[in-house]
């Protein structure tokens, strides 16, 4: 265990330090506010990771990652989620969230994973480490690490263990800035998906992701000049079309008129 209470190092630094000290071939990077409900869950982890094509396991992830700053939760077709979620911010009863594509497999392939629980082999970690130079805080490390591992191995969400998670994250401005760092670092490789993307499909995915990103900027009360700047930065690329640009511009303009409580409209 690494005591980070006083040093307050970034999570990448702490995870790398812990992995280097680990003596055994299976590594688990897990948040501290969890409870494992499945007995002998480690046996399932070892079984999944015995497949040498498997690089990283998690409990929540998405099948694609856009070039636009985003979380793992904006998929092309579906998210894969298996976690027993508890709520602090909202007065909601805890529930076992299971979202998955058709099929009863004990694991489903994804591109990016949520950092609440990440498992890998030490031989994978020797090739890909957490990027402590780029991500110095507590956001962005999970998606970046997922994208690294995904360049050579397959990432999966697993469905044969149950983990209780006792907090629900809230994306803030630090999260936004980390998401932008991911997009900048991987701009030549994104978007990436477990599916082959047709041009029209990738185009629609980009603009839907952009709407979600801009909506989050409005929710976090970013200044309008910054919102318009980001709108322009992520519009002028190979996915640019006049129709989508005008439609998204209208969305931004109308949202700016509704501040401070602008949640926007659905983009078609």
Protein backbone atom coordinates (compact mmCIF):
# COMPACT_ATOMS: atom_id res chain seq x y z
CA UNK A 1 0.00 0.00 0.00
CA UNK A 2 1.24 3.47 -0.86
CA UNK A 3 0.22 6.28 1.51
CA UNK A 4 -0.49 9.28 -0.71
CA UNK A 5 -2.27 11.41 1.90
CA UNK A 6 0.62 13.80 2.46
CA UNK A 7 2.50 13.63 -0.84
CA UNK A 8 -0.65 14.02 -2.95
CA UNK A 9 1.04 12.64 -6.02
CA UNK A 10 -1.02 12.14 -9.16
CA UNK A 11 -2.70 8.77 -9.50
CA UNK A 12 -0.48 7.81 -12.47
CA UNK A 13 2.62 8.30 -10.35
CA UNK A 14 1.20 6.23 -7.48
CA UNK A 15 -0.06 3.43 -9.75
CA UNK A 16 3.28 3.18 -11.55
CA UNK A 17 5.13 3.08 -8.24
CA UNK A 18 2.86 0.36 -6.90
CA UNK A 19 3.11 -1.75 -10.04
CA UNK A 20 6.89 -1.59 -9.96
CA UNK A 21 6.87 -2.90 -6.39
CA UNK A 22 4.35 -5.67 -7.08
CA UNK A 23 5.82 -9.19 -6.87
CA UNK A 24 3.20 -11.18 -8.74
CA UNK A 25 2.09 -11.36 -12.40
CA UNK A 26 -1.48 -10.01 -12.05
CA UNK A 27 -2.00 -6.31 -11.27
CA UNK A 28 -5.23 -4.69 -10.01
CA UNK A 29 -5.64 -0.92 -9.94
CA UNK A 30 -8.79 -0.25 -7.94
CA UNK A 31 -10.38 2.69 -6.18
CA UNK A 32 -10.54 2.57 -2.40
CA UNK A 33 -14.33 2.97 -2.09
CA UNK A 34 -15.35 -0.48 -3.33
CA UNK A 35 -16.54 -3.78 -1.89
CA UNK A 36 -16.10 -7.13 -3.66
CA UNK A 37 -19.27 -9.20 -3.42
CA UNK A 38 -18.02 -12.18 -5.44
CA UNK A 39 -16.06 -14.80 -3.50
CA UNK A 40 -12.77 -15.90 -5.03
CA UNK A 41 -13.14 -13.17 -7.65
CA UNK A 42 -9.41 -13.28 -8.32
CA UNK A 43 -9.74 -16.73 -9.88
CA UNK A 44 -12.03 -15.26 -12.53
CA UNK A 45 -9.55 -12.46 -13.19
CA UNK A 46 -6.69 -14.93 -13.64
CA UNK A 47 -8.78 -17.01 -16.01
CA UNK A 48 -9.64 -14.02 -18.20
CA UNK A 49 -6.05 -12.81 -18.29
CA UNK A 50 -4.72 -16.27 -19.20
CA UNK A 51 -5.77 -15.32 -22.75
CA UNK A 52 -2.61 -13.61 -24.00
CA UNK A 53 -4.64 -11.45 -26.41
CA UNK A 54 -6.44 -9.90 -23.44
CA UNK A 55 -4.69 -6.79 -22.18
CA UNK A 56 -6.96 -4.98 -19.74
CA UNK A 57 -10.12 -5.81 -17.78
CA UNK A 58 -12.65 -3.47 -16.21
CA UNK A 59 -16.25 -3.10 -15.06
CA UNK A 60 -17.43 -0.29 -17.33
CA UNK A 61 -16.36 0.80 -20.77
CA UNK A 62 -17.34 1.91 -24.23
CA UNK A 63 -16.87 0.35 -27.65
CA UNK A 64 -15.38 3.55 -29.14
CA UNK A 65 -13.48 6.73 -28.32
CA UNK A 66 -14.04 9.94 -30.27
CA UNK A 67 -11.51 12.60 -31.17
CA UNK A 68 -13.66 15.10 -29.28
CA UNK A 69 -12.91 15.25 -25.53
CA UNK A 70 -15.18 12.71 -23.88
CA UNK A 71 -15.48 9.94 -21.36
CA UNK A 72 -15.68 6.26 -22.26
CA UNK A 73 -19.48 6.49 -22.14
CA UNK A 74 -20.17 7.72 -25.69
CA UNK A 75 -20.29 4.54 -27.77
CA UNK A 76 -20.88 3.79 -31.42
CA UNK A 77 -23.33 1.02 -30.57
CA UNK A 78 -23.30 0.16 -26.87
CA UNK A 79 -21.59 0.55 -23.55
CA UNK A 80 -20.64 -2.45 -21.45
CA UNK A 81 -21.30 -1.95 -17.74
CA UNK A 82 -21.39 -4.33 -14.78
CA UNK A 83 -21.21 -2.58 -11.41
CA UNK A 84 -23.31 -2.25 -8.26
CA UNK A 85 -23.54 1.52 -7.96
CA UNK A 86 -24.25 3.46 -4.75
CA UNK A 87 -25.14 7.17 -4.79
CA UNK A 88 -23.99 10.05 -2.61
CA UNK A 89 -25.00 13.13 -4.58
CA UNK A 90 -28.47 11.91 -5.47
CA UNK A 91 -31.11 10.37 -3.22
CA UNK A 92 -31.30 7.13 -5.14
CA UNK A 93 -31.26 3.54 -4.04
CA UNK A 94 -28.14 1.56 -4.97
CA UNK A 95 -28.60 -0.69 -7.97
CA UNK A 96 -26.76 -3.26 -10.01
CA UNK A 97 -26.21 -1.62 -13.39
CA UNK A 98 -25.83 -4.07 -16.24
CA UNK A 99 -25.71 -2.73 -19.79
CA UNK A 100 -24.42 -4.91 -22.58
CA UNK A 101 -24.67 -5.76 -26.24
CA UNK A 102 -26.51 -8.95 -27.26
CA UNK A 103 -24.95 -12.22 -26.14
CA UNK A 104 -24.20 -13.92 -22.84
CA UNK A 105 -20.40 -13.87 -22.85
CA UNK A 106 -18.64 -13.36 -19.51
CA UNK A 107 -16.61 -10.56 -21.08
CA UNK A 108 -17.34 -8.01 -23.82
CA UNK A 109 -14.74 -6.13 -25.80
CA UNK A 110 -14.38 -2.35 -25.41
CA UNK A 111 -11.87 0.36 -26.28
CA UNK A 112 -11.80 2.52 -23.15
CA UNK A 113 -12.41 1.49 -19.54
CA UNK A 114 -13.44 3.33 -16.39
CA UNK A 115 -10.70 3.56 -13.77
CA UNK A 116 -12.75 2.31 -10.80
CA UNK A 117 -11.31 -1.16 -11.48
CA UNK A 118 -8.55 -2.10 -13.94
CA UNK A 119 -6.73 -5.43 -14.08
CA UNK A 120 -3.85 -6.45 -16.30
CA UNK A 121 -0.79 -8.68 -16.42
CA UNK A 122 2.65 -7.46 -15.49
CA UNK A 123 3.98 -8.33 -18.94
CA UNK A 124 1.41 -5.91 -20.40
CA UNK A 125 2.35 -3.23 -17.88
CA UNK A 126 6.01 -3.59 -18.81
CA UNK A 127 5.01 -2.38 -22.29
CA UNK A 128 2.47 0.29 -21.28
CA UNK A 129 2.56 2.42 -18.13
CA UNK A 130 0.34 5.20 -16.81
CA UNK A 131 1.38 8.53 -18.36
CA UNK A 132 2.38 10.52 -15.27
CA UNK A 133 3.96 13.32 -17.33
CA UNK A 134 0.74 14.21 -19.16
CA UNK A 135 -1.81 13.33 -16.47
CA UNK A 136 -0.60 14.77 -13.19
CA UNK A 137 -3.92 14.71 -11.31
CA UNK A 138 -6.70 12.18 -10.87
CA UNK A 139 -8.48 12.24 -14.24
CA UNK A 140 -7.81 10.93 -17.73
CA UNK A 141 -5.37 8.22 -16.70
CA UNK A 142 -7.84 5.37 -17.27
CA UNK A 143 -8.84 6.24 -20.83
CA UNK A 144 -5.26 6.99 -21.81
CA UNK A 145 -4.01 3.70 -20.37
CA UNK A 146 -6.86 1.86 -22.11
CA UNK A 147 -5.95 3.43 -25.45
CA UNK A 148 -2.31 2.46 -24.96
CA UNK A 149 -3.12 -1.18 -24.23
CA UNK A 150 -5.71 -1.27 -27.02
CA UNK A 151 -2.99 -0.63 -29.61
CA UNK A 152 -1.68 -4.18 -29.07
CA UNK A 153 -4.20 -6.13 -26.97
CA UNK A 154 -7.95 -6.43 -26.47
CA UNK A 155 -9.73 -4.67 -23.59
CA UNK A 156 -12.82 -6.15 -21.95
CA UNK A 157 -15.58 -5.47 -19.46
CA UNK A 158 -16.17 -8.61 -17.38
CA UNK A 159 -19.54 -9.84 -16.10
CA UNK A 160 -18.62 -12.66 -13.72
CA UNK A 161 -17.71 -10.61 -10.65
CA UNK A 162 -19.81 -8.09 -8.72
CA UNK A 163 -18.21 -5.01 -7.19
CA UNK A 164 -20.02 -2.36 -5.14
CA UNK A 165 -18.90 1.21 -5.84
CA UNK A 166 -19.78 3.67 -3.09
CA UNK A 167 -19.36 7.01 -4.86
CA UNK A 168 -20.58 8.48 -8.13
CA UNK A 169 -18.13 10.68 -9.95
CA UNK A 170 -18.92 14.20 -11.08
CA UNK A 171 -17.11 15.52 -14.15
CA UNK A 172 -15.68 18.94 -13.29
CA UNK A 173 -13.38 21.41 -15.03
CA UNK A 174 -10.32 19.36 -14.09
CA UNK A 175 -11.95 16.39 -15.79
CA UNK A 176 -12.65 18.52 -18.88
CA UNK A 177 -9.03 19.63 -19.13
CA UNK A 178 -7.83 16.02 -18.78
CA UNK A 179 -10.25 14.95 -21.51
CA UNK A 180 -8.75 17.61 -23.77
CA UNK A 181 -5.26 16.30 -23.00
CA UNK A 182 -6.37 12.85 -24.14
CA UNK A 183 -7.75 14.23 -27.40
CA UNK A 184 -4.58 16.19 -28.05
CA UNK A 185 -2.26 13.27 -27.27
CA UNK A 186 -4.20 10.79 -29.42
CA UNK A 187 -5.47 13.14 -32.16
CA UNK A 188 -3.71 11.22 -34.93
CA UNK A 189 -5.23 7.92 -33.79
CA UNK A 190 -8.79 8.95 -32.91
CA UNK A 191 -11.55 8.02 -33.38
CA UNK A 192 -10.99 4.37 -32.57
CA UNK A 193 -13.59 1.63 -32.26
CA UNK A 194 -13.87 -2.12 -31.96
CA UNK A 195 -15.94 -1.89 -35.15
CA UNK A 196 -14.77 -0.87 -38.62
CA UNK A 197 -16.29 2.57 -39.10
CA UNK A 198 -17.86 3.70 -42.33
CA UNK A 199 -17.20 7.36 -43.15
CA UNK A 200 -20.81 8.38 -42.48
CA UNK A 201 -20.84 6.50 -39.19
CA UNK A 202 -17.61 8.12 -37.99
CA UNK A 203 -18.93 11.52 -39.08
CA UNK A 204 -22.16 11.20 -37.07
CA UNK A 205 -20.23 9.86 -34.06
CA UNK A 206 -17.94 12.89 -34.13
CA UNK A 207 -20.75 15.44 -34.16
CA UNK A 208 -22.78 13.66 -31.50
CA UNK A 209 -19.69 13.57 -29.29
CA UNK A 210 -19.13 17.27 -29.93
CA UNK A 211 -22.66 18.11 -28.80
CA UNK A 212 -22.18 16.20 -25.54
CA UNK A 213 -18.85 17.98 -24.97
CA UNK A 214 -20.26 21.45 -25.63
CA UNK A 215 -23.24 20.72 -23.41
CA UNK A 216 -20.87 19.83 -20.58
CA UNK A 217 -19.02 23.12 -21.09
CA UNK A 218 -22.32 24.98 -20.71
CA UNK A 219 -23.22 22.99 -17.58
CA UNK A 220 -19.87 23.86 -16.02
CA UNK A 221 -20.33 27.55 -16.85
CA UNK A 222 -17.31 27.93 -19.09
CA UNK A 223 -17.04 31.44 -20.59
CA UNK A 224 -18.76 31.79 -23.95
CA UNK A 225 -15.55 32.67 -25.85
CA UNK A 226 -14.00 29.38 -24.67
CA UNK A 227 -17.10 27.43 -25.67
CA UNK A 228 -17.12 28.99 -29.15
CA UNK A 229 -13.38 28.36 -29.48
CA UNK A 230 -13.82 24.67 -28.70
CA UNK A 231 -16.76 24.51 -31.10
CA UNK A 232 -14.53 25.79 -33.89
CA UNK A 233 -11.48 23.69 -32.93
CA UNK A 234 -13.41 20.42 -33.10
CA UNK A 235 -15.51 21.35 -36.13
CA UNK A 236 -12.86 21.99 -38.76
CA UNK A 237 -11.45 18.57 -39.57
CA UNK A 238 -12.21 15.70 -41.95
CA UNK A 239 -15.71 15.42 -40.43
CA UNK A 240 -16.67 18.96 -41.38
CA UNK A 241 -19.85 19.47 -43.38
CA UNK A 242 -21.69 22.77 -43.81
CA UNK A 243 -25.01 21.27 -42.71
CA UNK A 244 -23.68 19.83 -39.46
CA UNK A 245 -21.58 22.92 -38.74
CA UNK A 246 -24.59 25.24 -39.15
CA UNK A 247 -26.85 22.94 -37.13
CA UNK A 248 -24.33 22.69 -34.30
CA UNK A 249 -23.74 26.45 -34.45
CA UNK A 250 -27.46 26.99 -33.99
CA UNK A 251 -27.38 24.66 -30.99
CA UNK A 252 -24.49 26.63 -29.43
CA UNK A 253 -26.18 29.96 -30.10
CA UNK A 254 -29.52 28.93 -28.60
CA UNK A 255 -27.80 27.36 -25.61
CA UNK A 256 -25.86 30.56 -24.99
CA UNK A 257 -29.15 32.49 -24.86
CA UNK A 258 -30.50 30.18 -22.16
CA UNK A 259 -27.63 30.48 -19.72
CA UNK A 260 -27.02 29.86 -16.85
CA UNK A 261 -29.22 26.74 -16.94
CA UNK A 262 -28.75 25.68 -20.52
CA UNK A 263 -28.85 21.94 -21.08
CA UNK A 264 -29.30 22.18 -24.81
CA UNK A 265 -31.37 20.11 -27.19
CA UNK A 266 -30.89 16.81 -28.91
CA UNK A 267 -28.76 16.98 -32.03
CA UNK A 268 -29.92 15.12 -35.15
